[in-house]
Protein backbone atom coordinates (compact mmCIF):
# COMPACT_ATOMS: atom_id res chain seq x y z
CA UNK A 1 31.03 -24.16 15.73
CA UNK A 2 29.38 -20.75 15.79
CA UNK A 3 32.20 -19.27 17.90
CA UNK A 4 34.79 -20.71 15.53
CA UNK A 5 32.89 -19.26 12.57
CA UNK A 6 32.72 -15.80 14.13
CA UNK A 7 36.43 -15.90 14.94
CA UNK A 8 37.16 -16.27 11.22
CA UNK A 9 35.96 -12.71 10.66
CA UNK A 10 38.83 -10.32 11.31
CA UNK A 11 36.90 -7.13 10.50
CA UNK A 12 33.25 -6.05 10.64
CA UNK A 13 31.20 -7.49 7.78
CA UNK A 14 29.57 -5.48 5.02
CA UNK A 15 25.91 -6.12 4.21
CA UNK A 16 26.98 -8.20 1.22
CA UNK A 17 29.35 -10.30 3.33
CA UNK A 18 26.59 -10.86 5.87
CA UNK A 19 24.24 -12.02 3.11
CA UNK A 20 26.91 -14.38 1.77
CA UNK A 21 27.41 -15.81 5.27
CA UNK A 22 23.68 -16.44 5.64
CA UNK A 23 23.15 -17.92 2.19
CA UNK A 24 24.11 -21.54 3.12
CA UNK A 25 21.70 -21.38 6.08
CA UNK A 26 18.58 -21.02 3.95
CA UNK A 27 16.09 -23.88 4.01
CA UNK A 28 15.02 -25.89 0.97
CA UNK A 29 12.51 -23.16 0.08
CA UNK A 30 15.24 -20.51 0.16
CA UNK A 31 14.03 -18.94 3.40
CA UNK A 32 16.07 -17.72 6.35
CA UNK A 33 13.13 -18.13 8.70
CA UNK A 34 12.99 -21.85 9.32
CA UNK A 35 10.10 -23.71 10.92
CA UNK A 36 11.85 -23.07 14.24
CA UNK A 37 13.82 -19.79 14.10
CA UNK A 38 17.37 -20.04 15.41
CA UNK A 39 19.64 -17.93 13.20
CA UNK A 40 19.16 -14.61 15.00
CA UNK A 41 19.57 -15.90 18.52
CA UNK A 42 22.22 -18.55 17.92
CA UNK A 43 24.40 -16.92 15.27
CA UNK A 44 23.71 -13.23 14.71
CA UNK A 45 23.35 -12.02 18.28
CA UNK A 46 26.79 -13.45 19.21
CA UNK A 47 28.15 -11.68 16.11
CA UNK A 48 26.57 -8.42 17.32
CA UNK A 49 28.16 -8.93 20.74
CA UNK A 50 31.55 -9.38 19.11
CA UNK A 51 31.06 -6.26 16.94
CA UNK A 52 31.30 -8.30 13.74
CA UNK A 53 27.95 -6.88 12.60
CA UNK A 54 25.47 -4.38 14.03
CA UNK A 55 21.75 -4.60 14.64
CA UNK A 56 20.93 -2.24 11.76
CA UNK A 57 22.52 -4.66 9.30
CA UNK A 58 20.42 -7.51 10.63
CA UNK A 59 17.24 -5.43 10.51
CA UNK A 60 17.92 -4.62 6.84
CA UNK A 61 18.48 -8.28 6.06
CA UNK A 62 15.31 -9.35 7.86
CA UNK A 63 13.30 -6.61 6.14
CA UNK A 64 14.64 -7.54 2.70
CA UNK A 65 13.82 -11.18 3.38
CA UNK A 66 10.24 -10.44 4.33
CA UNK A 67 9.67 -8.00 1.48
CA UNK A 68 11.04 -10.50 -1.05
CA UNK A 69 8.54 -13.06 0.22
CA UNK A 70 5.67 -10.57 0.04
CA UNK A 71 6.55 -9.54 -3.50
CA UNK A 72 6.71 -13.17 -4.56
CA UNK A 73 3.21 -13.71 -3.18
CA UNK A 74 1.84 -10.57 -4.84
CA UNK A 75 3.33 -11.56 -8.20
CA UNK A 76 2.00 -15.13 -8.25
CA UNK A 77 -1.21 -17.10 -7.95
CA UNK A 78 0.20 -19.33 -5.23
CA UNK A 79 -1.58 -19.28 -1.89
CA UNK A 80 0.15 -17.52 0.98
CA UNK A 81 1.94 -19.84 3.38
CA UNK A 82 2.24 -18.70 6.99
CA UNK A 83 3.07 -20.55 10.20
CA UNK A 84 3.18 -18.75 13.53
CA UNK A 85 6.15 -20.77 14.78
CA UNK A 86 8.28 -19.80 11.77
CA UNK A 87 6.92 -16.82 9.83
CA UNK A 88 5.29 -15.23 12.87
CA UNK A 89 8.42 -15.56 15.00
CA UNK A 90 10.55 -14.13 12.18
CA UNK A 91 8.17 -11.16 11.89
CA UNK A 92 8.39 -10.57 15.64
CA UNK A 93 12.18 -10.63 15.38
CA UNK A 94 12.07 -7.90 12.75
CA UNK A 95 9.84 -5.72 14.95
CA UNK A 96 12.25 -6.18 17.86
CA UNK A 97 15.24 -5.32 15.68
CA UNK A 98 13.48 -2.11 14.59
CA UNK A 99 13.22 -1.19 18.27
CA UNK A 100 17.02 -1.09 18.45
CA UNK A 101 17.90 0.99 15.39
CA UNK A 102 18.12 4.75 15.06
CA UNK A 103 15.33 6.96 13.77
CA UNK A 104 16.86 7.23 10.28
CA UNK A 105 16.89 3.46 9.91
CA UNK A 106 13.38 3.24 11.37
CA UNK A 107 12.20 5.74 8.77
CA UNK A 108 13.70 3.53 6.05
CA UNK A 109 11.79 0.49 7.35
CA UNK A 110 8.51 2.39 7.40
CA UNK A 111 9.18 3.77 3.92
CA UNK A 112 9.73 0.25 2.56
CA UNK A 113 6.51 -0.95 4.21
CA UNK A 114 4.66 1.91 2.53
CA UNK A 115 6.00 0.78 -0.86
CA UNK A 116 4.66 -2.73 -0.35
CA UNK A 117 1.37 -1.36 0.91
CA UNK A 118 0.95 0.89 -2.12
CA UNK A 119 1.59 -2.08 -4.38
CA UNK A 120 -0.97 -4.35 -2.75
CA UNK A 121 -3.47 -1.51 -2.32
CA UNK A 122 -3.56 -0.96 -6.10
CA UNK A 123 -4.69 -4.55 -6.52
CA UNK A 124 -7.32 -4.43 -3.80
CA UNK A 125 -8.72 -1.04 -4.85
CA UNK A 126 -8.87 -1.81 -8.56
CA UNK A 127 -12.52 -1.87 -9.71
CA UNK A 128 -13.85 -5.45 -9.87
CA UNK A 129 -10.46 -6.71 -8.70
CA UNK A 130 -11.90 -9.70 -6.84
CA UNK A 131 -13.96 -10.68 -9.88
CA UNK A 132 -11.04 -10.30 -12.29
CA UNK A 133 -8.63 -12.45 -10.27
CA UNK A 134 -9.71 -13.74 -6.89
CA UNK A 135 -6.30 -15.30 -6.20
CA UNK A 136 -4.49 -11.98 -6.78
CA UNK A 137 -7.05 -10.15 -4.68
CA UNK A 138 -6.89 -12.53 -1.71
CA UNK A 139 -3.08 -12.69 -1.87
CA UNK A 140 -2.92 -8.89 -1.69
CA UNK A 141 -5.42 -8.96 1.17
CA UNK A 142 -3.40 -11.53 3.12
CA UNK A 143 -0.10 -9.69 2.60
CA UNK A 144 -1.86 -6.60 3.92
CA UNK A 145 -2.92 -8.53 7.05
CA UNK A 146 0.68 -9.61 7.57
CA UNK A 147 1.99 -6.09 6.99
CA UNK A 148 -0.58 -4.67 9.40
CA UNK A 149 0.39 -7.17 12.10
CA UNK A 150 4.07 -6.24 11.74
CA UNK A 151 3.32 -2.52 11.73
CA UNK A 152 1.27 -2.84 14.93
CA UNK A 153 4.18 -4.50 16.66
CA UNK A 154 6.66 -1.91 15.41
CA UNK A 155 4.36 0.86 16.67
CA UNK A 156 5.23 -0.07 20.26
CA UNK A 157 8.83 0.90 19.66
CA UNK A 158 8.61 3.98 17.41
CA UNK A 159 8.08 7.21 19.33
CA UNK A 160 9.26 10.02 17.08
CA UNK A 161 8.37 11.76 13.83
CA UNK A 162 8.27 8.38 12.11
CA UNK A 163 5.32 7.42 14.31
CA UNK A 164 3.07 9.70 12.22
CA UNK A 165 4.07 7.89 9.04
CA UNK A 166 3.45 4.59 10.77
CA UNK A 167 0.09 5.75 12.09
CA UNK A 168 -0.97 6.69 8.58
CA UNK A 169 0.14 3.29 7.28
CA UNK A 170 -1.87 1.50 9.97
CA UNK A 171 -4.98 3.53 9.17
CA UNK A 172 -4.74 2.87 5.44
CA UNK A 173 -3.98 -0.80 5.97
CA UNK A 174 -6.92 -1.22 8.35
CA UNK A 175 -9.26 0.41 5.83
CA UNK A 176 -8.41 -2.37 3.35
CA UNK A 177 -8.88 -5.09 5.95
CA UNK A 178 -12.46 -3.94 6.44
CA UNK A 179 -13.26 -4.57 2.77
CA UNK A 180 -13.59 -8.30 3.34
CA UNK A 181 -16.47 -9.66 5.42
CA UNK A 182 -15.75 -11.66 8.56
CA UNK A 183 -17.06 -14.85 6.95
CA UNK A 184 -14.92 -14.43 3.81
CA UNK A 185 -11.91 -13.65 5.99
CA UNK A 186 -12.46 -16.90 7.91
CA UNK A 187 -12.92 -18.94 4.72
CA UNK A 188 -10.17 -17.53 2.52
CA UNK A 189 -7.39 -16.37 4.86
CA UNK A 190 -4.56 -18.52 6.16
CA UNK A 191 -5.69 -19.54 9.66
CA UNK A 192 -2.29 -19.14 11.30
CA UNK A 193 -2.04 -15.65 9.83
CA UNK A 194 -5.46 -14.80 11.24
CA UNK A 195 -4.38 -15.97 14.70
CA UNK A 196 -1.19 -13.91 14.44
CA UNK A 197 -3.12 -10.87 13.22
CA UNK A 198 -5.55 -11.15 16.15
CA UNK A 199 -2.90 -11.44 18.84
CA UNK A 200 -2.49 -8.43 21.08
CA UNK A 201 0.56 -6.68 19.60
CA UNK A 202 1.88 -5.70 23.03
CA UNK A 203 2.64 -9.37 23.69
CA UNK A 204 5.85 -8.76 21.78
CA UNK A 205 7.18 -6.98 24.85
CA UNK A 206 7.30 -10.38 26.58
CA UNK A 207 9.37 -11.96 23.80
CA UNK A 208 12.65 -13.32 25.17
CA UNK A 209 14.48 -12.10 22.07
CA UNK A 210 13.80 -8.51 23.14
CA UNK A 211 15.95 -8.85 26.27
CA UNK A 212 18.54 -10.89 24.40
CA UNK A 213 19.04 -8.15 21.82
CA UNK A 214 19.06 -5.52 24.59
CA UNK A 215 21.87 -7.38 26.36
CA UNK A 216 23.87 -7.86 23.15
CA UNK A 217 23.79 -4.14 22.39
CA UNK A 218 24.20 -2.89 25.95
CA UNK A 219 26.15 -5.66 27.74
CA UNK A 220 26.91 -3.50 30.79
CA UNK A 221 23.33 -2.53 31.52
């Protein structure tokens, strides 16, 4: 079915056409990252191999998806939902995609992460923020944990001028993490997110998707 779908595309897709193609694949919560991720490996990588889309387009889509979820969390009182098998795997996929895009596109990713960080940092740094609205404070804290975990994984693949921007982001993000005590972090943070945050970031280098994307982009190597 996937092959037949890809064959329907006669020319490379625009970002908008890619988004339209993915829209019916969202789950009942409107997410592309299902409880068991499959869209990248089963659909998009074959499309990359057939030159219907490129990896930069997918990285932009994945980034937009994650940022939309973060903004929704920051703008609401709902508790953050995170599962390693779904949200964690999707985040790893984004880090791997960033490894395969050019430095200009990497700079864009890091710039967008900075924007989210600056937004959540205003909430956390606001005087008496935790007392004014604990739910807003802890949501900002948890999004920061998630952002930090992603940034750590991306840092293994960025080795250029952008690495300085990323280093600064990691330092600022870590300074906010230290504002919450270990006991409060255990009691008020999503446990799957904590496990993901505490994983050694270099484990991403063992992710099977890394080699799969490598092969799709460089089939002769």
